C-alpha atoms as a PDB file:
ATOM      1  CA  MET A   1      22.057  40.999 137.494  1.00  0.00           C
ATOM      2  CA  PRO A   2      23.485  39.878 134.155  1.00  0.00           C
ATOM      3  CA  LEU A   3      23.539  36.056 134.054  1.00  0.00           C
ATOM      4  CA  PRO A   4      27.543  34.629 133.912  1.00  0.00           C
ATOM      5  CA  SER A   5      28.683  33.194 130.892  1.00  0.00           C
ATOM      6  CA  THR A   6      28.512  29.783 132.736  1.00  0.00           C
ATOM      7  CA  THR A   7      24.438  29.743 132.854  1.00  0.00           C
ATOM      8  CA  PRO A   8      23.152  26.680 130.824  1.00  0.00           C
ATOM      9  CA  PRO A   9      20.866  27.899 127.890  1.00  0.00           C
ATOM     10  CA  PHE A  10      17.246  27.653 128.870  1.00  0.00           C
ATOM     11  CA  SER A  11      13.928  28.831 127.562  1.00  0.00           C
ATOM     12  CA  TYR A  12       9.932  28.566 128.694  1.00  0.00           C
ATOM     13  CA  ALA A  13       6.921  26.282 128.251  1.00  0.00           C
ATOM     14  CA  PHE A  14       3.226  27.856 128.943  1.00  0.00           C
ATOM     15  CA  GLN A  15       0.732  25.483 130.696  1.00  0.00           C
ATOM     16  CA  PRO A  16      -2.895  27.079 130.898  1.00  0.00           C
ATOM     17  CA  ILE A  17      -4.989  27.352 134.303  1.00  0.00           C
ATOM     18  CA  ILE A  18      -8.730  27.342 133.408  1.00  0.00           C
ATOM     19  CA  ASP A  19     -12.152  28.231 134.566  1.00  0.00           C
ATOM     20  CA  ALA A  20     -14.629  25.292 134.011  1.00  0.00           C
ATOM     21  CA  VAL A  21     -17.349  27.244 134.813  1.00  0.00           C
ATOM     22  CA  GLU A  22     -16.594  30.199 132.464  1.00  0.00           C
ATOM     23  CA  ARG A  23     -14.674  27.915 129.944  1.00  0.00           C
ATOM     24  CA  ARG A  24     -11.819  30.258 129.669  1.00  0.00           C
ATOM     25  CA  VAL A  25      -8.279  30.407 130.382  1.00  0.00           C
ATOM     26  CA  VAL A  26      -7.528  32.857 133.520  1.00  0.00           C
ATOM     27  CA  SER A  27      -3.731  32.276 133.307  1.00  0.00           C
ATOM     28  CA  TYR A  28      -0.807  30.682 132.097  1.00  0.00           C
ATOM     29  CA  GLU A  29       2.149  29.254 134.103  1.00  0.00           C
ATOM     30  CA  ALA A  30       5.331  29.856 132.697  1.00  0.00           C
ATOM     31  CA  LEU A  31       7.843  26.943 133.104  1.00  0.00           C
ATOM     32  CA  VAL A  32      11.178  26.861 132.593  1.00  0.00           C
ATOM     33  CA  ARG A  33      12.847  24.566 129.956  1.00  0.00           C
ATOM     34  CA  GLY A  34      16.170  23.348 128.270  1.00  0.00           C
ATOM     35  CA  PRO A  35      16.505  25.120 124.449  1.00  0.00           C
ATOM     36  CA  ALA A  36      15.331  22.076 123.459  1.00  0.00           C
ATOM     37  CA  GLY A  37      12.410  21.467 125.528  1.00  0.00           C
ATOM     38  CA  GLU A  38      14.156  19.575 128.335  1.00  0.00           C
ATOM     39  CA  PRO A  39      12.467  19.711 131.821  1.00  0.00           C
ATOM     40  CA  ALA A  40      13.062  22.045 134.506  1.00  0.00           C
ATOM     41  CA  PHE A  41      15.147  19.766 137.006  1.00  0.00           C
ATOM     42  CA  GLU A  42      17.937  19.376 133.993  1.00  0.00           C
ATOM     43  CA  VAL A  43      18.334  23.142 133.610  1.00  0.00           C
ATOM     44  CA  LEU A  44      18.293  24.181 137.149  1.00  0.00           C
ATOM     45  CA  SER A  45      21.044  21.038 138.566  1.00  0.00           C
ATOM     46  CA  ARG A  46      23.135  23.063 136.220  1.00  0.00           C
ATOM     47  CA  VAL A  47      23.085  26.309 137.802  1.00  0.00           C
ATOM     48  CA  PRO A  48      25.753  26.632 140.387  1.00  0.00           C
ATOM     49  CA  GLU A  49      24.202  27.531 144.077  1.00  0.00           C
ATOM     50  CA  ALA A  50      25.704  30.720 144.032  1.00  0.00           C
ATOM     51  CA  GLN A  51      24.277  32.079 140.871  1.00  0.00           C
ATOM     52  CA  ARG A  52      20.618  30.526 141.740  1.00  0.00           C
ATOM     53  CA  ALA A  53      19.253  34.189 142.829  1.00  0.00           C
ATOM     54  CA  ALA A  54      20.762  35.851 139.257  1.00  0.00           C
ATOM     55  CA  PHE A  55      19.276  33.076 137.348  1.00  0.00           C
ATOM     56  CA  ASP A  56      15.929  33.298 139.109  1.00  0.00           C
ATOM     57  CA  ARG A  57      15.464  36.978 138.285  1.00  0.00           C
ATOM     58  CA  ALA A  58      16.791  36.861 134.839  1.00  0.00           C
ATOM     59  CA  SER A  59      14.810  33.615 133.898  1.00  0.00           C
ATOM     60  CA  ARG A  60      11.687  35.583 134.870  1.00  0.00           C
ATOM     61  CA  ALA A  61      12.316  38.528 132.671  1.00  0.00           C
ATOM     62  CA  ARG A  62      12.676  36.064 130.109  1.00  0.00           C
ATOM     63  CA  ALA A  63       9.501  34.164 130.659  1.00  0.00           C
ATOM     64  CA  LEU A  64       7.769  37.853 130.878  1.00  0.00           C
ATOM     65  CA  ALA A  65       9.124  38.948 127.404  1.00  0.00           C
ATOM     66  CA  MET A  66       8.213  35.822 125.829  1.00  0.00           C
ATOM     67  CA  ALA A  67       4.317  35.595 127.232  1.00  0.00           C
ATOM     68  CA  ALA A  68       4.288  39.253 125.781  1.00  0.00           C
ATOM     69  CA  GLN A  69       5.779  38.513 122.154  1.00  0.00           C
ATOM     70  CA  LEU A  70       3.158  35.373 122.246  1.00  0.00           C
ATOM     71  CA  GLY A  71       0.488  37.819 123.084  1.00  0.00           C
ATOM     72  CA  LEU A  72      -0.407  36.922 126.608  1.00  0.00           C
ATOM     73  CA  PRO A  73      -4.031  37.554 127.240  1.00  0.00           C
ATOM     74  CA  CYS A  74      -4.416  37.094 130.835  1.00  0.00           C
ATOM     75  CA  LEU A  75      -2.330  36.480 133.668  1.00  0.00           C
ATOM     76  CA  LEU A  76       0.979  34.852 134.093  1.00  0.00           C
ATOM     77  CA  ASN A  77       1.934  32.652 136.919  1.00  0.00           C
ATOM     78  CA  LEU A  78       6.038  32.899 137.464  1.00  0.00           C
ATOM     79  CA  ASN A  79       7.869  30.573 140.083  1.00  0.00           C
ATOM     80  CA  LEU A  80       9.833  32.217 142.747  1.00  0.00           C
ATOM     81  CA  LEU A  81      12.901  30.626 144.639  1.00  0.00           C
ATOM     82  CA  PRO A  82      12.228  31.849 148.313  1.00  0.00           C
ATOM     83  CA  HIS A  83      15.669  32.002 149.460  1.00  0.00           C
ATOM     84  CA  GLY A  84      16.644  33.686 145.964  1.00  0.00           C
ATOM     85  CA  VAL A  85      14.086  36.610 146.293  1.00  0.00           C
ATOM     86  CA  LEU A  86      15.559  37.201 149.947  1.00  0.00           C
ATOM     87  CA  ALA A  87      19.197  37.106 149.160  1.00  0.00           C
ATOM     88  CA  ASP A  88      18.377  39.638 146.200  1.00  0.00           C
ATOM     89  CA  GLU A  89      16.022  42.396 147.515  1.00  0.00           C
ATOM     90  CA  ASP A  90      15.842  43.817 144.081  1.00  0.00           C
ATOM     91  CA  ALA A  91      14.659  40.731 142.583  1.00  0.00           C
ATOM     92  CA  ILE A  92      10.535  41.535 142.659  1.00  0.00           C
ATOM     93  CA  ASP A  93      11.347  45.349 141.488  1.00  0.00           C
ATOM     94  CA  ALA A  94      13.148  43.898 138.856  1.00  0.00           C
ATOM     95  CA  THR A  95      10.481  41.663 137.752  1.00  0.00           C
ATOM     96  CA  LEU A  96       8.000  44.414 137.595  1.00  0.00           C
ATOM     97  CA  ARG A  97      10.485  46.442 135.650  1.00  0.00           C
ATOM     98  CA  ALA A  98      10.726  43.519 133.679  1.00  0.00           C
ATOM     99  CA  ALA A  99       7.007  43.379 133.144  1.00  0.00           C
ATOM    100  CA  ARG A 100       6.516  46.747 132.331  1.00  0.00           C
ATOM    101  CA  GLU A 101       9.436  46.794 129.814  1.00  0.00           C
ATOM    102  CA  ALA A 102       7.332  43.636 127.951  1.00  0.00           C
ATOM    103  CA  GLY A 103       4.118  45.796 128.372  1.00  0.00           C
ATOM    104  CA  LEU A 104       2.385  43.631 130.973  1.00  0.00           C
ATOM    105  CA  PRO A 105       1.121  45.592 134.307  1.00  0.00           C
ATOM    106  CA  PRO A 106       1.895  44.131 137.731  1.00  0.00           C
ATOM    107  CA  GLU A 107      -1.689  43.144 138.184  1.00  0.00           C
ATOM    108  CA  ARG A 108      -1.155  40.498 135.817  1.00  0.00           C
ATOM    109  CA  LEU A 109       1.138  38.689 137.478  1.00  0.00           C
ATOM    110  CA  VAL A 110       0.996  35.597 140.124  1.00  0.00           C
ATOM    111  CA  PHE A 111       3.899  34.583 142.022  1.00  0.00           C
ATOM    112  CA  GLU A 112       3.999  31.129 142.936  1.00  0.00           C
ATOM    113  CA  VAL A 113       6.012  29.642 145.963  1.00  0.00           C
ATOM    114  CA  THR A 114       5.996  25.769 146.281  1.00  0.00           C
ATOM    115  CA  GLU A 115       4.871  24.748 149.937  1.00  0.00           C
ATOM    116  CA  SER A 116       8.147  22.320 149.893  1.00  0.00           C
ATOM    117  CA  ASP A 117      10.367  25.199 149.467  1.00  0.00           C
ATOM    118  CA  ALA A 118      12.646  25.612 152.270  1.00  0.00           C
ATOM    119  CA  ILE A 119      11.878  29.026 153.270  1.00  0.00           C
ATOM    120  CA  ALA A 120      14.663  30.382 156.119  1.00  0.00           C
ATOM    121  CA  ASP A 121      12.681  33.322 157.185  1.00  0.00           C
ATOM    122  CA  PRO A 122       9.122  33.087 156.636  1.00  0.00           C
ATOM    123  CA  CYS A 123       8.306  36.290 158.675  1.00  0.00           C
ATOM    124  CA  GLY A 124      10.473  38.080 156.219  1.00  0.00           C
ATOM    125  CA  PHE A 125       9.413  36.917 153.217  1.00  0.00           C
ATOM    126  CA  ALA A 126       6.216  37.014 154.061  1.00  0.00           C
ATOM    127  CA  ALA A 127       6.965  40.983 154.769  1.00  0.00           C
ATOM    128  CA  LEU A 128       8.352  41.167 151.280  1.00  0.00           C
ATOM    129  CA  VAL A 129       5.420  39.721 149.376  1.00  0.00           C
ATOM    130  CA  ASN A 130       2.935  41.550 151.509  1.00  0.00           C
ATOM    131  CA  ARG A 131       5.366  44.912 151.128  1.00  0.00           C
ATOM    132  CA  HIS A 132       4.267  44.430 146.926  1.00  0.00           C
ATOM    133  CA  LYS A 133       0.486  43.859 147.545  1.00  0.00           C
ATOM    134  CA  SER A 134      -0.033  47.602 146.690  1.00  0.00           C
ATOM    135  CA  ASP A 135       1.539  47.038 143.579  1.00  0.00           C
ATOM    136  CA  GLY A 136      -1.118  44.798 142.512  1.00  0.00           C
ATOM    137  CA  LEU A 137       0.777  41.154 142.729  1.00  0.00           C
ATOM    138  CA  LEU A 138      -0.904  38.179 143.157  1.00  0.00           C
ATOM    139  CA  LEU A 139       0.802  35.154 145.777  1.00  0.00           C
ATOM    140  CA  ALA A 140      -0.126  31.561 144.798  1.00  0.00           C
ATOM    141  CA  ILE A 141       1.010  28.454 146.814  1.00  0.00           C
ATOM    142  CA  ASP A 142       2.061  25.474 144.594  1.00  0.00           C
ATOM    143  CA  ASP A 143       1.983  21.824 145.593  1.00  0.00           C
ATOM    144  CA  PHE A 144      -0.082  22.693 148.513  1.00  0.00           C
ATOM    145  CA  GLY A 145      -0.531  19.339 150.253  1.00  0.00           C
ATOM    146  CA  ALA A 146       2.808  18.045 149.181  1.00  0.00           C
ATOM    147  CA  GLY A 147       5.014  19.373 152.713  1.00  0.00           C
ATOM    148  CA  GLN A 148       3.975  19.575 156.077  1.00  0.00           C
ATOM    149  CA  SER A 149       3.933  23.669 156.576  1.00  0.00           C
ATOM    150  CA  GLY A 150       0.795  23.902 154.579  1.00  0.00           C
ATOM    151  CA  LEU A 151      -1.971  25.518 157.117  1.00  0.00           C
ATOM    152  CA  ASN A 152       0.877  27.905 158.400  1.00  0.00           C
ATOM    153  CA  LEU A 153       1.767  29.054 154.812  1.00  0.00           C
ATOM    154  CA  LEU A 154      -2.190  29.975 154.739  1.00  0.00           C
ATOM    155  CA  ALA A 155      -2.038  31.680 158.130  1.00  0.00           C
ATOM    156  CA  ASP A 156       1.460  33.559 157.439  1.00  0.00           C
ATOM    157  CA  PHE A 157       1.453  34.768 153.700  1.00  0.00           C
ATOM    158  CA  GLN A 158      -2.403  35.237 152.897  1.00  0.00           C
ATOM    159  CA  PRO A 159      -2.020  33.774 149.188  1.00  0.00           C
ATOM    160  CA  ASP A 160      -4.586  34.761 146.805  1.00  0.00           C
ATOM    161  CA  MET A 161      -4.534  31.407 145.387  1.00  0.00           C
ATOM    162  CA  ILE A 162      -3.299  27.714 146.082  1.00  0.00           C
ATOM    163  CA  LYS A 163      -2.444  24.518 143.750  1.00  0.00           C
ATOM    164  CA  VAL A 164      -3.763  21.781 145.323  1.00  0.00           C
ATOM    165  CA  ASP A 165      -0.795  19.169 144.914  1.00  0.00           C
ATOM    166  CA  ARG A 166      -1.211  16.427 142.190  1.00  0.00           C
ATOM    167  CA  HIS A 167      -0.690  13.671 144.684  1.00  0.00           C
ATOM    168  CA  LEU A 168      -3.733  14.776 146.332  1.00  0.00           C
ATOM    169  CA  ILE A 169      -5.879  14.904 143.327  1.00  0.00           C
ATOM    170  CA  HIS A 170      -4.526  11.549 141.722  1.00  0.00           C
ATOM    171  CA  GLY A 171      -7.435   9.076 141.809  1.00  0.00           C
ATOM    172  CA  ILE A 172      -9.469  11.115 144.041  1.00  0.00           C
ATOM    173  CA  GLU A 173     -12.739   9.685 142.679  1.00  0.00           C
ATOM    174  CA  ALA A 174     -12.279   6.579 144.503  1.00  0.00           C
ATOM    175  CA  HIS A 175      -9.985   7.597 147.564  1.00  0.00           C
ATOM    176  CA  GLY A 176     -11.990   8.571 150.825  1.00  0.00           C
ATOM    177  CA  PRO A 177      -9.230   9.917 152.886  1.00  0.00           C
ATOM    178  CA  ARG A 178      -8.245  12.024 150.077  1.00  0.00           C
ATOM    179  CA  GLN A 179     -11.669  13.297 149.318  1.00  0.00           C
ATOM    180  CA  ALA A 180     -12.185  14.079 152.856  1.00  0.00           C
ATOM    181  CA  ILE A 181      -9.325  16.192 152.803  1.00  0.00           C
ATOM    182  CA  LEU A 182     -10.052  18.384 149.662  1.00  0.00           C
ATOM    183  CA  ARG A 183     -13.587  19.024 151.227  1.00  0.00           C
ATOM    184  CA  GLY A 184     -11.967  20.410 154.391  1.00  0.00           C
ATOM    185  CA  LEU A 185      -9.332  22.372 152.409  1.00  0.00           C
ATOM    186  CA  LEU A 186     -12.238  23.966 150.403  1.00  0.00           C
ATOM    187  CA  LEU A 187     -14.098  24.986 152.945  1.00  0.00           C
ATOM    188  CA  THR A 188     -11.213  26.618 154.571  1.00  0.00           C
ATOM    189  CA  CYS A 189     -10.270  27.950 151.376  1.00  0.00           C
ATOM    190  CA  GLU A 190     -13.759  29.481 150.658  1.00  0.00           C
ATOM    191  CA  LEU A 191     -13.721  31.242 154.510  1.00  0.00           C
ATOM    192  CA  LEU A 192     -10.238  32.842 153.744  1.00  0.00           C
ATOM    193  CA  GLY A 193     -11.415  33.795 150.359  1.00  0.00           C
ATOM    194  CA  ILE A 194      -8.679  31.791 148.777  1.00  0.00           C
ATOM    195  CA  ASP A 195      -9.080  30.312 145.288  1.00  0.00           C
ATOM    196  CA  VAL A 196      -8.240  26.474 144.645  1.00  0.00           C
ATOM    197  CA  VAL A 197      -6.511  25.421 141.571  1.00  0.00           C
ATOM    198  CA  ALA A 198      -6.757  21.406 141.167  1.00  0.00           C
ATOM    199  CA  GLU A 199      -3.514  20.933 139.459  1.00  0.00           C
ATOM    200  CA  GLY A 200      -2.493  17.699 137.678  1.00  0.00           C
ATOM    201  CA  VAL A 201      -5.759  16.858 136.562  1.00  0.00           C
ATOM    202  CA  GLU A 202      -5.222  13.599 134.304  1.00  0.00           C
ATOM    203  CA  THR A 203      -8.517  11.858 133.952  1.00  0.00           C
ATOM    204  CA  PRO A 204     -12.166  12.655 133.109  1.00  0.00           C
ATOM    205  CA  GLY A 205     -13.024  10.958 136.152  1.00  0.00           C
ATOM    206  CA  GLU A 206     -10.855  13.214 138.591  1.00  0.00           C
ATOM    207  CA  TYR A 207     -12.362  15.848 136.966  1.00  0.00           C
ATOM    208  CA  ARG A 208     -15.991  14.891 137.405  1.00  0.00           C
ATOM    209  CA  TRP A 209     -15.558  14.570 141.197  1.00  0.00           C
ATOM    210  CA  LEU A 210     -13.857  17.836 141.387  1.00  0.00           C
ATOM    211  CA  ARG A 211     -16.398  19.137 139.651  1.00  0.00           C
ATOM    212  CA  THR A 212     -19.292  17.975 142.207  1.00  0.00           C
ATOM    213  CA  GLN A 213     -17.191  19.536 145.192  1.00  0.00           C
ATOM    214  CA  GLY A 214     -17.470  22.809 143.218  1.00  0.00           C
ATOM    215  CA  VAL A 215     -13.815  23.091 142.233  1.00  0.00           C
ATOM    216  CA  ARG A 216     -13.721  25.585 139.028  1.00  0.00           C
ATOM    217  CA  LEU A 217      -9.866  25.797 138.156  1.00  0.00           C
ATOM    218  CA  TYR A 218      -7.875  23.372 136.960  1.00  0.00           C
ATOM    219  CA  GLN A 219      -4.305  22.578 135.386  1.00  0.00           C
ATOM    220  CA  GLY A 220      -3.393  19.267 133.986  1.00  0.00           C
ATOM    221  CA  TYR A 221      -2.879  17.180 130.912  1.00  0.00           C
ATOM    222  CA  LEU A 222      -6.624  16.734 130.781  1.00  0.00           C
ATOM    223  CA  PHE A 223      -6.757  19.873 129.266  1.00  0.00           C
ATOM    224  CA  ALA A 224      -3.663  21.036 128.010  1.00  0.00           C
ATOM    225  CA  ARG A 225       0.202  19.749 128.113  1.00  0.00           C
ATOM    226  CA  PRO A 226       2.992  22.554 128.625  1.00  0.00           C
ATOM    227  CA  GLY A 227       3.313  24.428 124.723  1.00  0.00           C
ATOM    228  CA  PHE A 228       7.260  24.776 124.341  1.00  0.00           C
ATOM    229  CA  GLU A 229       7.387  28.677 123.275  1.00  0.00           C
ATOM    230  CA  ALA A 230       3.873  28.437 122.749  1.00  0.00           C
ATOM    231  CA  LEU A 231       0.507  29.232 124.580  1.00  0.00           C
ATOM    232  CA  PRO A 232      -1.151  26.117 124.185  1.00  0.00           C
ATOM    233  CA  VAL A 233      -5.246  26.006 123.479  1.00  0.00           C
ATOM    234  CA  PRO A 234      -6.881  23.990 126.208  1.00  0.00           C
ATOM    235  CA  VAL A 235      -9.440  21.527 125.468  1.00  0.00           C
ATOM    236  CA  MET A 236     -12.427  22.516 127.362  1.00  0.00           C
ATOM    237  CA  PRO A 237     -13.984  20.161 129.612  1.00  0.00           C
ATOM    238  CA  GLY A 238     -18.020  18.872 129.127  1.00  0.00           C
ATOM    239  CA  ALA A 239     -20.182  20.739 131.526  1.00  0.00           C
END
């Protein structure tokens, strides 16, 4: 499904997800950007609704090719538009083909779905994702805690990973209600065997409190900003 000539130019930035215990990068998230590094919303706002599915598929192929050219050494997190995938039944298969062409095995792909996305057919989407589990694909729920359907997503999609919304993380070291919510979420995910990523960590205080709760996976400006067309080396936190 080639992109229409009216599609705006775009590129990618990559931001690491780190394991603070093993002190290594476990994945890079591919973030769509304009050709000069413009933010994702500026690019996506110029894609007509009728072209979103085609853009969704083609943009992932470009992210895969760029990650491979940059020498990706770990997992790669790719964002999915749920309605785009359901409208294009070959979307995931096309991504797998693009991964193989780039020399990246499917088991190194993590598909991200934001909790706040409007999923018109949650059962259909869950069935589509689960059908590809045998290919080794991993599923993450992004911005977890930002919407109102988080617990249903945990039950219906059985994700491999959740990324806790940055608004829940912000200032958590001094906010009792947020601390209580996160403690409950960590226990739930431990029982379900789901990895937890603290997303949007920006201050040492946030990081130190999260570490006391056993959180080991992090993404945020405290460690590295997204690198435009590059795989940035994060600053690893102290013990």
